[in-house]
Amino acid sequence: MSAHDHHKGSKRSLRVGVITVSDTRTADNDDSGRVIREAMAAAGHLIAHYQIVRDEPDQIAATVSAWIADLDAIVINGGTGISLRDSTFEAVEGLLDKKLEGFGELFRMLSYHEIGSAAFLSRATAGVCRGKILVSIPGSPSACRLAMEKLLIPELGHIGELLKL
């Protein structure tokens, strides 16, 4: 079976939540959250929730936990680096039932072609949380665009089908 055939029955529309992790962004200047929401909507997915959350692991985990039952997927942007305030990875890692190691690996490989060796500083990750898709990517608009165009949009419907969403 070809990859094209494998994706034929994929669900085309998922209910998605978008979380921007930031101590400084507002709805007016959250370009990364906008990039994700626009890409998802253009691909036919419904943005059911959107929120900016402070870079605090408890707040990130609480928001995911509050939303997950109502959604098919949550995409988090921001807080994936190595600075003292970057805590998204720790919050997300503790919520994943199944990790999709290849997501982070591919994201860093694709990023390397755009930004060079700094790509290895990203702790982008993805997996399954309570039977739903949970993705965490860096907070720059270009990183969000890359993740949407090259990884998530092409596979999201298929992942939804595999998880019976």
N, C-alpha and C. Protein backbone atom coordinates (compact mmCIF):
# COMPACT_ATOMS: atom_id res chain seq x y z
N MET A 1 0.83 -1.17 0.00
CA MET A 1 0.00 0.00 0.00
C MET A 1 0.89 1.25 0.00
N SER A 2 0.59 2.16 -0.91
CA SER A 2 1.38 3.39 -0.98
C SER A 2 0.98 4.35 0.14
N ALA A 3 1.81 5.33 0.38
CA ALA A 3 1.50 6.34 1.40
C ALA A 3 0.22 7.06 1.04
N HIS A 4 0.01 7.31 -0.26
CA HIS A 4 -1.21 7.98 -0.71
C HIS A 4 -2.43 7.13 -0.37
N ASP A 5 -2.39 5.84 -0.66
CA ASP A 5 -3.50 4.94 -0.35
C ASP A 5 -3.73 4.86 1.15
N HIS A 6 -2.65 4.87 1.89
CA HIS A 6 -2.72 4.76 3.35
C HIS A 6 -3.48 5.94 3.96
N HIS A 7 -3.43 7.11 3.31
CA HIS A 7 -4.08 8.31 3.84
C HIS A 7 -5.48 8.54 3.28
N LYS A 8 -5.95 7.69 2.36
CA LYS A 8 -7.23 7.92 1.69
C LYS A 8 -8.41 8.06 2.65
N GLY A 9 -8.47 7.24 3.68
CA GLY A 9 -9.61 7.28 4.58
C GLY A 9 -9.44 8.23 5.74
N SER A 10 -8.44 9.07 5.70
CA SER A 10 -8.15 9.93 6.84
C SER A 10 -9.25 10.95 7.08
N LYS A 11 -9.59 11.12 8.33
CA LYS A 11 -10.56 12.14 8.72
C LYS A 11 -10.00 13.50 8.34
N ARG A 12 -10.79 14.32 7.74
CA ARG A 12 -10.29 15.59 7.23
C ARG A 12 -10.40 16.74 8.23
N SER A 13 -11.29 16.65 9.19
CA SER A 13 -11.50 17.78 10.08
C SER A 13 -11.43 17.34 11.55
N LEU A 14 -10.56 17.96 12.30
CA LEU A 14 -10.41 17.68 13.72
C LEU A 14 -10.71 18.94 14.52
N ARG A 15 -11.12 18.74 15.77
CA ARG A 15 -11.30 19.85 16.72
C ARG A 15 -9.96 20.08 17.40
N VAL A 16 -9.43 21.29 17.25
CA VAL A 16 -8.07 21.59 17.69
C VAL A 16 -8.06 22.73 18.71
N GLY A 17 -7.17 22.60 19.68
CA GLY A 17 -6.89 23.67 20.62
C GLY A 17 -5.47 24.17 20.40
N VAL A 18 -5.27 25.46 20.54
CA VAL A 18 -3.94 26.07 20.37
C VAL A 18 -3.59 26.81 21.64
N ILE A 19 -2.43 26.45 22.19
CA ILE A 19 -1.92 27.11 23.39
C ILE A 19 -0.60 27.79 23.03
N THR A 20 -0.51 29.07 23.30
CA THR A 20 0.76 29.78 23.19
C THR A 20 1.30 29.94 24.60
N VAL A 21 2.50 29.41 24.82
CA VAL A 21 3.15 29.53 26.12
C VAL A 21 4.07 30.75 26.07
N SER A 22 3.75 31.74 26.89
CA SER A 22 4.55 32.96 26.90
C SER A 22 4.25 33.78 28.14
N ASP A 23 5.28 34.44 28.64
CA ASP A 23 5.11 35.36 29.75
C ASP A 23 4.87 36.79 29.25
N THR A 24 5.03 37.01 27.94
CA THR A 24 4.96 38.38 27.42
C THR A 24 3.97 38.58 26.27
N ARG A 25 3.59 37.57 25.56
CA ARG A 25 2.71 37.77 24.41
C ARG A 25 1.28 38.04 24.83
N THR A 26 0.59 38.74 23.93
CA THR A 26 -0.83 39.01 24.08
C THR A 26 -1.53 38.51 22.82
N ALA A 27 -2.84 38.50 22.84
CA ALA A 27 -3.58 38.08 21.64
C ALA A 27 -3.26 38.98 20.46
N ASP A 28 -2.91 40.22 20.70
CA ASP A 28 -2.60 41.16 19.62
C ASP A 28 -1.26 40.90 18.96
N ASN A 29 -0.29 40.37 19.72
CA ASN A 29 1.05 40.16 19.12
C ASN A 29 1.48 38.70 19.08
N ASP A 30 0.52 37.79 19.21
CA ASP A 30 0.84 36.36 19.16
C ASP A 30 0.85 35.87 17.71
N ASP A 31 1.91 36.20 17.00
CA ASP A 31 2.03 35.81 15.59
C ASP A 31 2.10 34.29 15.43
N SER A 32 2.76 33.61 16.35
CA SER A 32 2.90 32.15 16.24
C SER A 32 1.55 31.45 16.41
N GLY A 33 0.78 31.88 17.40
CA GLY A 33 -0.55 31.31 17.57
C GLY A 33 -1.42 31.55 16.35
N ARG A 34 -1.27 32.74 15.77
CA ARG A 34 -2.04 33.07 14.55
C ARG A 34 -1.63 32.16 13.40
N VAL A 35 -0.32 31.92 13.22
CA VAL A 35 0.17 31.04 12.15
C VAL A 35 -0.46 29.65 12.28
N ILE A 36 -0.46 29.13 13.49
CA ILE A 36 -1.02 27.78 13.72
C ILE A 36 -2.52 27.77 13.44
N ARG A 37 -3.24 28.73 13.99
CA ARG A 37 -4.69 28.76 13.80
C ARG A 37 -5.06 28.91 12.33
N GLU A 38 -4.35 29.78 11.62
CA GLU A 38 -4.65 29.97 10.19
C GLU A 38 -4.34 28.72 9.38
N ALA A 39 -3.22 28.06 9.67
CA ALA A 39 -2.85 26.84 8.94
C ALA A 39 -3.87 25.73 9.19
N MET A 40 -4.28 25.59 10.44
CA MET A 40 -5.26 24.55 10.78
C MET A 40 -6.60 24.83 10.10
N ALA A 41 -7.05 26.07 10.17
CA ALA A 41 -8.33 26.43 9.54
C ALA A 41 -8.27 26.23 8.03
N ALA A 42 -7.16 26.62 7.41
CA ALA A 42 -7.01 26.44 5.96
C ALA A 42 -7.03 24.96 5.56
N ALA A 43 -6.60 24.10 6.48
CA ALA A 43 -6.60 22.66 6.21
C ALA A 43 -7.95 22.01 6.56
N GLY A 44 -8.90 22.81 7.02
CA GLY A 44 -10.23 22.31 7.30
C GLY A 44 -10.48 21.89 8.74
N HIS A 45 -9.55 22.18 9.63
CA HIS A 45 -9.73 21.84 11.04
C HIS A 45 -10.41 22.99 11.78
N LEU A 46 -11.15 22.65 12.82
CA LEU A 46 -11.87 23.64 13.61
C LEU A 46 -11.05 24.03 14.82
N ILE A 47 -10.80 25.32 14.99
CA ILE A 47 -10.10 25.82 16.17
C ILE A 47 -11.17 26.01 17.24
N ALA A 48 -11.21 25.10 18.21
CA ALA A 48 -12.24 25.12 19.25
C ALA A 48 -11.80 25.90 20.48
N HIS A 49 -10.48 25.96 20.73
CA HIS A 49 -9.96 26.69 21.89
C HIS A 49 -8.64 27.35 21.51
N TYR A 50 -8.42 28.51 22.10
CA TYR A 50 -7.14 29.22 21.95
C TYR A 50 -6.89 29.99 23.23
N GLN A 51 -5.66 29.90 23.73
CA GLN A 51 -5.32 30.63 24.95
C GLN A 51 -3.82 30.86 25.03
N ILE A 52 -3.44 31.97 25.64
CA ILE A 52 -2.04 32.24 25.98
C ILE A 52 -1.89 31.88 27.46
N VAL A 53 -0.89 31.05 27.75
CA VAL A 53 -0.65 30.55 29.09
C VAL A 53 0.77 30.91 29.50
N ARG A 54 0.94 31.34 30.75
CA ARG A 54 2.28 31.65 31.25
C ARG A 54 3.16 30.39 31.21
N ASP A 55 4.45 30.61 31.12
CA ASP A 55 5.42 29.51 31.04
C ASP A 55 5.63 28.91 32.44
N GLU A 56 4.58 28.25 32.90
CA GLU A 56 4.58 27.56 34.19
C GLU A 56 4.06 26.15 33.94
N PRO A 57 4.83 25.13 34.26
CA PRO A 57 4.41 23.75 33.97
C PRO A 57 3.02 23.41 34.49
N ASP A 58 2.68 23.85 35.71
CA ASP A 58 1.37 23.54 36.27
C ASP A 58 0.24 24.17 35.46
N GLN A 59 0.46 25.40 34.99
CA GLN A 59 -0.57 26.07 34.19
C GLN A 59 -0.73 25.43 32.82
N ILE A 60 0.38 25.03 32.23
CA ILE A 60 0.33 24.36 30.92
C ILE A 60 -0.41 23.04 31.06
N ALA A 61 -0.02 22.23 32.02
CA ALA A 61 -0.64 20.91 32.23
C ALA A 61 -2.12 21.06 32.57
N ALA A 62 -2.47 22.05 33.38
CA ALA A 62 -3.87 22.26 33.76
C ALA A 62 -4.72 22.64 32.55
N THR A 63 -4.18 23.47 31.67
CA THR A 63 -4.93 23.87 30.47
C THR A 63 -5.13 22.67 29.56
N VAL A 64 -4.08 21.89 29.33
CA VAL A 64 -4.23 20.69 28.50
C VAL A 64 -5.26 19.75 29.13
N SER A 65 -5.17 19.52 30.42
CA SER A 65 -6.09 18.60 31.10
C SER A 65 -7.53 19.08 31.02
N ALA A 66 -7.74 20.39 31.11
CA ALA A 66 -9.08 20.95 31.03
C ALA A 66 -9.69 20.83 29.63
N TRP A 67 -8.86 20.89 28.62
CA TRP A 67 -9.35 20.89 27.23
C TRP A 67 -9.41 19.51 26.58
N ILE A 68 -8.57 18.59 26.96
CA ILE A 68 -8.29 17.39 26.17
C ILE A 68 -9.55 16.56 25.86
N ALA A 69 -10.49 16.46 26.77
CA ALA A 69 -11.68 15.65 26.53
C ALA A 69 -12.55 16.22 25.42
N ASP A 70 -12.49 17.54 25.23
CA ASP A 70 -13.34 18.24 24.26
C ASP A 70 -12.70 18.34 22.87
N LEU A 71 -11.44 17.92 22.73
CA LEU A 71 -10.69 18.15 21.49
C LEU A 71 -10.15 16.85 20.91
N ASP A 72 -9.70 16.94 19.66
CA ASP A 72 -8.98 15.83 19.02
C ASP A 72 -7.48 16.05 19.08
N ALA A 73 -7.06 17.32 19.12
CA ALA A 73 -5.63 17.64 19.11
C ALA A 73 -5.40 18.96 19.83
N ILE A 74 -4.23 19.07 20.45
CA ILE A 74 -3.78 20.33 21.03
C ILE A 74 -2.38 20.60 20.52
N VAL A 75 -2.17 21.81 20.01
CA VAL A 75 -0.85 22.24 19.56
C VAL A 75 -0.40 23.36 20.47
N ILE A 76 0.75 23.15 21.10
CA ILE A 76 1.33 24.13 22.01
C ILE A 76 2.55 24.73 21.32
N ASN A 77 2.67 26.04 21.38
CA ASN A 77 3.88 26.68 20.86
C ASN A 77 4.52 27.50 21.96
N GLY A 78 5.85 27.45 22.01
CA GLY A 78 6.61 28.23 22.98
C GLY A 78 7.10 27.39 24.14
N GLY A 79 8.18 27.85 24.75
CA GLY A 79 8.71 27.21 25.95
C GLY A 79 9.45 25.91 25.73
N THR A 80 9.92 25.67 24.50
CA THR A 80 10.58 24.39 24.20
C THR A 80 12.10 24.48 24.20
N GLY A 81 12.64 25.63 24.52
CA GLY A 81 14.10 25.79 24.52
C GLY A 81 14.72 25.31 25.82
N ILE A 82 15.89 25.88 26.12
CA ILE A 82 16.63 25.43 27.30
C ILE A 82 16.84 26.53 28.34
N SER A 83 16.21 27.67 28.15
CA SER A 83 16.37 28.74 29.14
C SER A 83 15.67 28.33 30.44
N LEU A 84 15.96 29.05 31.49
CA LEU A 84 15.38 28.73 32.80
C LEU A 84 13.86 28.76 32.79
N ARG A 85 13.26 29.65 31.99
CA ARG A 85 11.79 29.77 31.95
C ARG A 85 11.13 28.78 30.99
N ASP A 86 11.89 28.09 30.17
CA ASP A 86 11.30 27.15 29.20
C ASP A 86 10.90 25.85 29.91
N SER A 87 9.60 25.65 30.07
CA SER A 87 9.14 24.48 30.82
C SER A 87 8.05 23.68 30.12
N THR A 88 7.77 24.01 28.88
CA THR A 88 6.71 23.29 28.16
C THR A 88 7.04 21.82 28.01
N PHE A 89 8.29 21.51 27.67
CA PHE A 89 8.67 20.11 27.48
C PHE A 89 8.36 19.28 28.73
N GLU A 90 8.72 19.80 29.89
CA GLU A 90 8.48 19.06 31.13
C GLU A 90 6.98 18.86 31.38
N ALA A 91 6.19 19.89 31.11
CA ALA A 91 4.74 19.79 31.30
C ALA A 91 4.13 18.76 30.35
N VAL A 92 4.54 18.81 29.08
CA VAL A 92 3.97 17.91 28.07
C VAL A 92 4.46 16.48 28.27
N GLU A 93 5.74 16.32 28.51
CA GLU A 93 6.32 14.98 28.69
C GLU A 93 5.56 14.18 29.74
N GLY A 94 5.16 14.84 30.83
CA GLY A 94 4.44 14.16 31.90
C GLY A 94 3.02 13.79 31.54
N LEU A 95 2.48 14.33 30.46
CA LEU A 95 1.11 14.05 30.05
C LEU A 95 1.00 12.98 28.97
N LEU A 96 2.11 12.66 28.31
CA LEU A 96 2.06 11.75 27.17
C LEU A 96 1.96 10.28 27.59
N ASP A 97 0.98 9.59 27.02
CA ASP A 97 0.85 8.15 27.20
C ASP A 97 1.72 7.40 26.20
N LYS A 98 1.85 7.97 25.01
CA LYS A 98 2.69 7.41 23.95
C LYS A 98 3.44 8.57 23.31
N LYS A 99 4.73 8.41 23.16
CA LYS A 99 5.55 9.45 22.55
C LYS A 99 5.77 9.13 21.07
N LEU A 100 5.75 10.18 20.27
CA LEU A 100 6.08 10.06 18.85
C LEU A 100 7.47 10.67 18.66
N GLU A 101 8.48 9.88 18.98
CA GLU A 101 9.87 10.35 18.96
C GLU A 101 10.25 10.95 17.61
N GLY A 102 9.72 10.38 16.55
CA GLY A 102 10.07 10.85 15.21
C GLY A 102 9.66 12.28 14.94
N PHE A 103 8.63 12.76 15.61
CA PHE A 103 8.21 14.14 15.38
C PHE A 103 9.33 15.11 15.72
N GLY A 104 9.87 15.01 16.92
CA GLY A 104 10.95 15.92 17.33
C GLY A 104 12.18 15.76 16.48
N GLU A 105 12.48 14.51 16.15
CA GLU A 105 13.66 14.24 15.32
C GLU A 105 13.51 14.89 13.95
N LEU A 106 12.35 14.70 13.31
CA LEU A 106 12.12 15.30 11.99
C LEU A 106 12.06 16.82 12.07
N PHE A 107 11.41 17.34 13.11
CA PHE A 107 11.34 18.79 13.25
C PHE A 107 12.73 19.39 13.33
N ARG A 108 13.60 18.79 14.14
CA ARG A 108 14.96 19.32 14.27
C ARG A 108 15.75 19.17 12.97
N MET A 109 15.54 18.08 12.26
CA MET A 109 16.22 17.90 10.98
C MET A 109 15.79 18.99 9.98
N LEU A 110 14.48 19.20 9.88
CA LEU A 110 13.98 20.23 8.97
C LEU A 110 14.44 21.62 9.40
N SER A 111 14.45 21.87 10.70
CA SER A 111 14.90 23.16 11.23
C SER A 111 16.37 23.40 10.92
N TYR A 112 17.15 22.36 10.97
CA TYR A 112 18.58 22.48 10.70
C TYR A 112 18.82 23.11 9.32
N HIS A 113 17.99 22.73 8.36
CA HIS A 113 18.14 23.27 7.01
C HIS A 113 17.80 24.76 6.95
N GLU A 114 17.05 25.25 7.93
CA GLU A 114 16.68 26.67 7.95
C GLU A 114 17.57 27.50 8.89
N ILE A 115 17.93 26.94 10.05
CA ILE A 115 18.63 27.75 11.05
C ILE A 115 19.99 27.19 11.47
N GLY A 116 20.38 26.08 10.90
CA GLY A 116 21.69 25.51 11.23
C GLY A 116 21.70 24.77 12.56
N SER A 117 22.87 24.76 13.17
CA SER A 117 23.08 23.92 14.35
C SER A 117 22.22 24.31 15.56
N ALA A 118 21.68 25.50 15.59
CA ALA A 118 20.80 25.90 16.70
C ALA A 118 19.56 25.01 16.77
N ALA A 119 19.27 24.27 15.72
CA ALA A 119 18.09 23.41 15.70
C ALA A 119 18.13 22.37 16.83
N PHE A 120 19.32 21.95 17.23
CA PHE A 120 19.36 20.91 18.26
C PHE A 120 18.97 21.43 19.65
N LEU A 121 18.80 22.74 19.80
CA LEU A 121 18.36 23.31 21.07
C LEU A 121 16.85 23.18 21.29
N SER A 122 16.14 22.81 20.25
CA SER A 122 14.69 22.66 20.35
C SER A 122 14.32 21.35 21.03
N ARG A 123 13.33 21.42 21.90
CA ARG A 123 12.81 20.21 22.53
C ARG A 123 11.37 19.98 22.07
N ALA A 124 11.14 20.18 20.77
CA ALA A 124 9.83 19.90 20.18
C ALA A 124 9.50 18.43 20.42
N THR A 125 8.23 18.17 20.71
CA THR A 125 7.83 16.80 20.99
C THR A 125 6.36 16.62 20.62
N ALA A 126 5.96 15.37 20.50
CA ALA A 126 4.56 15.06 20.20
C ALA A 126 4.24 13.66 20.72
N GLY A 127 2.96 13.43 20.87
CA GLY A 127 2.53 12.11 21.31
C GLY A 127 1.03 12.05 21.50
N VAL A 128 0.63 11.02 22.23
CA VAL A 128 -0.78 10.78 22.50
C VAL A 128 -1.03 11.00 23.99
N CYS A 129 -2.04 11.78 24.28
CA CYS A 129 -2.45 12.09 25.65
C CYS A 129 -3.94 11.75 25.78
N ARG A 130 -4.25 10.75 26.56
CA ARG A 130 -5.65 10.32 26.76
C ARG A 130 -6.35 10.06 25.42
N GLY A 131 -5.63 9.47 24.50
CA GLY A 131 -6.20 9.12 23.20
C GLY A 131 -6.29 10.26 22.21
N LYS A 132 -5.71 11.41 22.55
CA LYS A 132 -5.74 12.59 21.68
C LYS A 132 -4.33 12.99 21.30
N ILE A 133 -4.19 13.82 20.28
CA ILE A 133 -2.90 14.26 19.78
C ILE A 133 -2.44 15.48 20.57
N LEU A 134 -1.20 15.43 21.06
CA LEU A 134 -0.63 16.56 21.80
C LEU A 134 0.74 16.86 21.20
N VAL A 135 0.92 18.09 20.74
CA VAL A 135 2.14 18.50 20.05
C VAL A 135 2.69 19.76 20.71
N SER A 136 4.00 19.81 20.84
CA SER A 136 4.66 20.98 21.40
C SER A 136 5.80 21.41 20.47
N ILE A 137 5.75 22.66 20.02
CA ILE A 137 6.73 23.19 19.07
C ILE A 137 7.27 24.53 19.57
N PRO A 138 8.40 24.95 19.03
CA PRO A 138 8.94 26.26 19.42
C PRO A 138 7.97 27.39 19.09
N GLY A 139 8.19 28.54 19.71
CA GLY A 139 7.27 29.64 19.57
C GLY A 139 7.58 30.67 18.51
N SER A 140 8.58 30.45 17.67
CA SER A 140 8.82 31.43 16.61
C SER A 140 7.84 31.16 15.46
N PRO A 141 7.36 32.22 14.80
CA PRO A 141 6.44 32.01 13.68
C PRO A 141 7.01 31.09 12.60
N SER A 142 8.31 31.20 12.30
CA SER A 142 8.88 30.33 11.26
C SER A 142 8.89 28.88 11.71
N ALA A 143 9.15 28.61 12.98
CA ALA A 143 9.11 27.24 13.48
C ALA A 143 7.68 26.69 13.42
N CYS A 144 6.72 27.52 13.76
CA CYS A 144 5.32 27.09 13.70
C CYS A 144 4.90 26.79 12.27
N ARG A 145 5.30 27.66 11.36
CA ARG A 145 4.98 27.46 9.94
C ARG A 145 5.60 26.16 9.44
N LEU A 146 6.85 25.93 9.79
CA LEU A 146 7.55 24.70 9.38
C LEU A 146 6.82 23.47 9.91
N ALA A 147 6.50 23.47 11.19
CA ALA A 147 5.81 22.32 11.79
C ALA A 147 4.45 22.08 11.14
N MET A 148 3.72 23.15 10.88
CA MET A 148 2.40 23.00 10.26
C MET A 148 2.50 22.45 8.85
N GLU A 149 3.34 23.11 8.02
CA GLU A 149 3.42 22.76 6.60
C GLU A 149 4.05 21.41 6.33
N LYS A 150 5.12 21.10 7.05
CA LYS A 150 5.91 19.90 6.73
C LYS A 150 5.52 18.67 7.53
N LEU A 151 4.94 18.85 8.71
CA LEU A 151 4.68 17.70 9.57
C LEU A 151 3.21 17.54 9.96
N LEU A 152 2.64 18.52 10.60
CA LEU A 152 1.30 18.33 11.17
C LEU A 152 0.18 18.29 10.15
N ILE A 153 0.08 19.30 9.32
CA ILE A 153 -1.03 19.33 8.35
C ILE A 153 -1.03 18.08 7.46
N PRO A 154 0.12 17.64 6.94
CA PRO A 154 0.08 16.43 6.10
C PRO A 154 -0.35 15.16 6.84
N GLU A 155 -0.15 15.09 8.16
CA GLU A 155 -0.42 13.84 8.89
C GLU A 155 -1.56 13.90 9.88
N LEU A 156 -2.06 15.07 10.20
CA LEU A 156 -3.03 15.20 11.28
C LEU A 156 -4.30 14.37 11.05
N GLY A 157 -4.85 14.43 9.87
CA GLY A 157 -6.05 13.64 9.58
C GLY A 157 -5.80 12.15 9.71
N HIS A 158 -4.65 11.71 9.25
CA HIS A 158 -4.29 10.29 9.34
C HIS A 158 -4.11 9.87 10.79
N ILE A 159 -3.47 10.72 11.59
CA ILE A 159 -3.30 10.41 13.01
C ILE A 159 -4.67 10.32 13.67
N GLY A 160 -5.57 11.25 13.31
CA GLY A 160 -6.92 11.20 13.84
C GLY A 160 -7.62 9.91 13.50
N GLU A 161 -7.42 9.43 12.31
CA GLU A 161 -8.02 8.16 11.87
C GLU A 161 -7.45 7.00 12.68
N LEU A 162 -6.13 7.00 12.87
CA LEU A 162 -5.51 5.92 13.64
C LEU A 162 -5.98 5.89 15.08
N LEU A 163 -6.24 7.08 15.65
CA LEU A 163 -6.71 7.17 17.03
C LEU A 163 -8.22 7.08 17.15
N LYS A 164 -8.90 6.94 16.01
CA LYS A 164 -10.36 6.82 15.97
C LYS A 164 -11.05 8.07 16.54
N LEU A 165 -10.53 9.23 16.17
CA LEU A 165 -11.10 10.49 16.65
C LEU A 165 -12.29 10.91 15.80
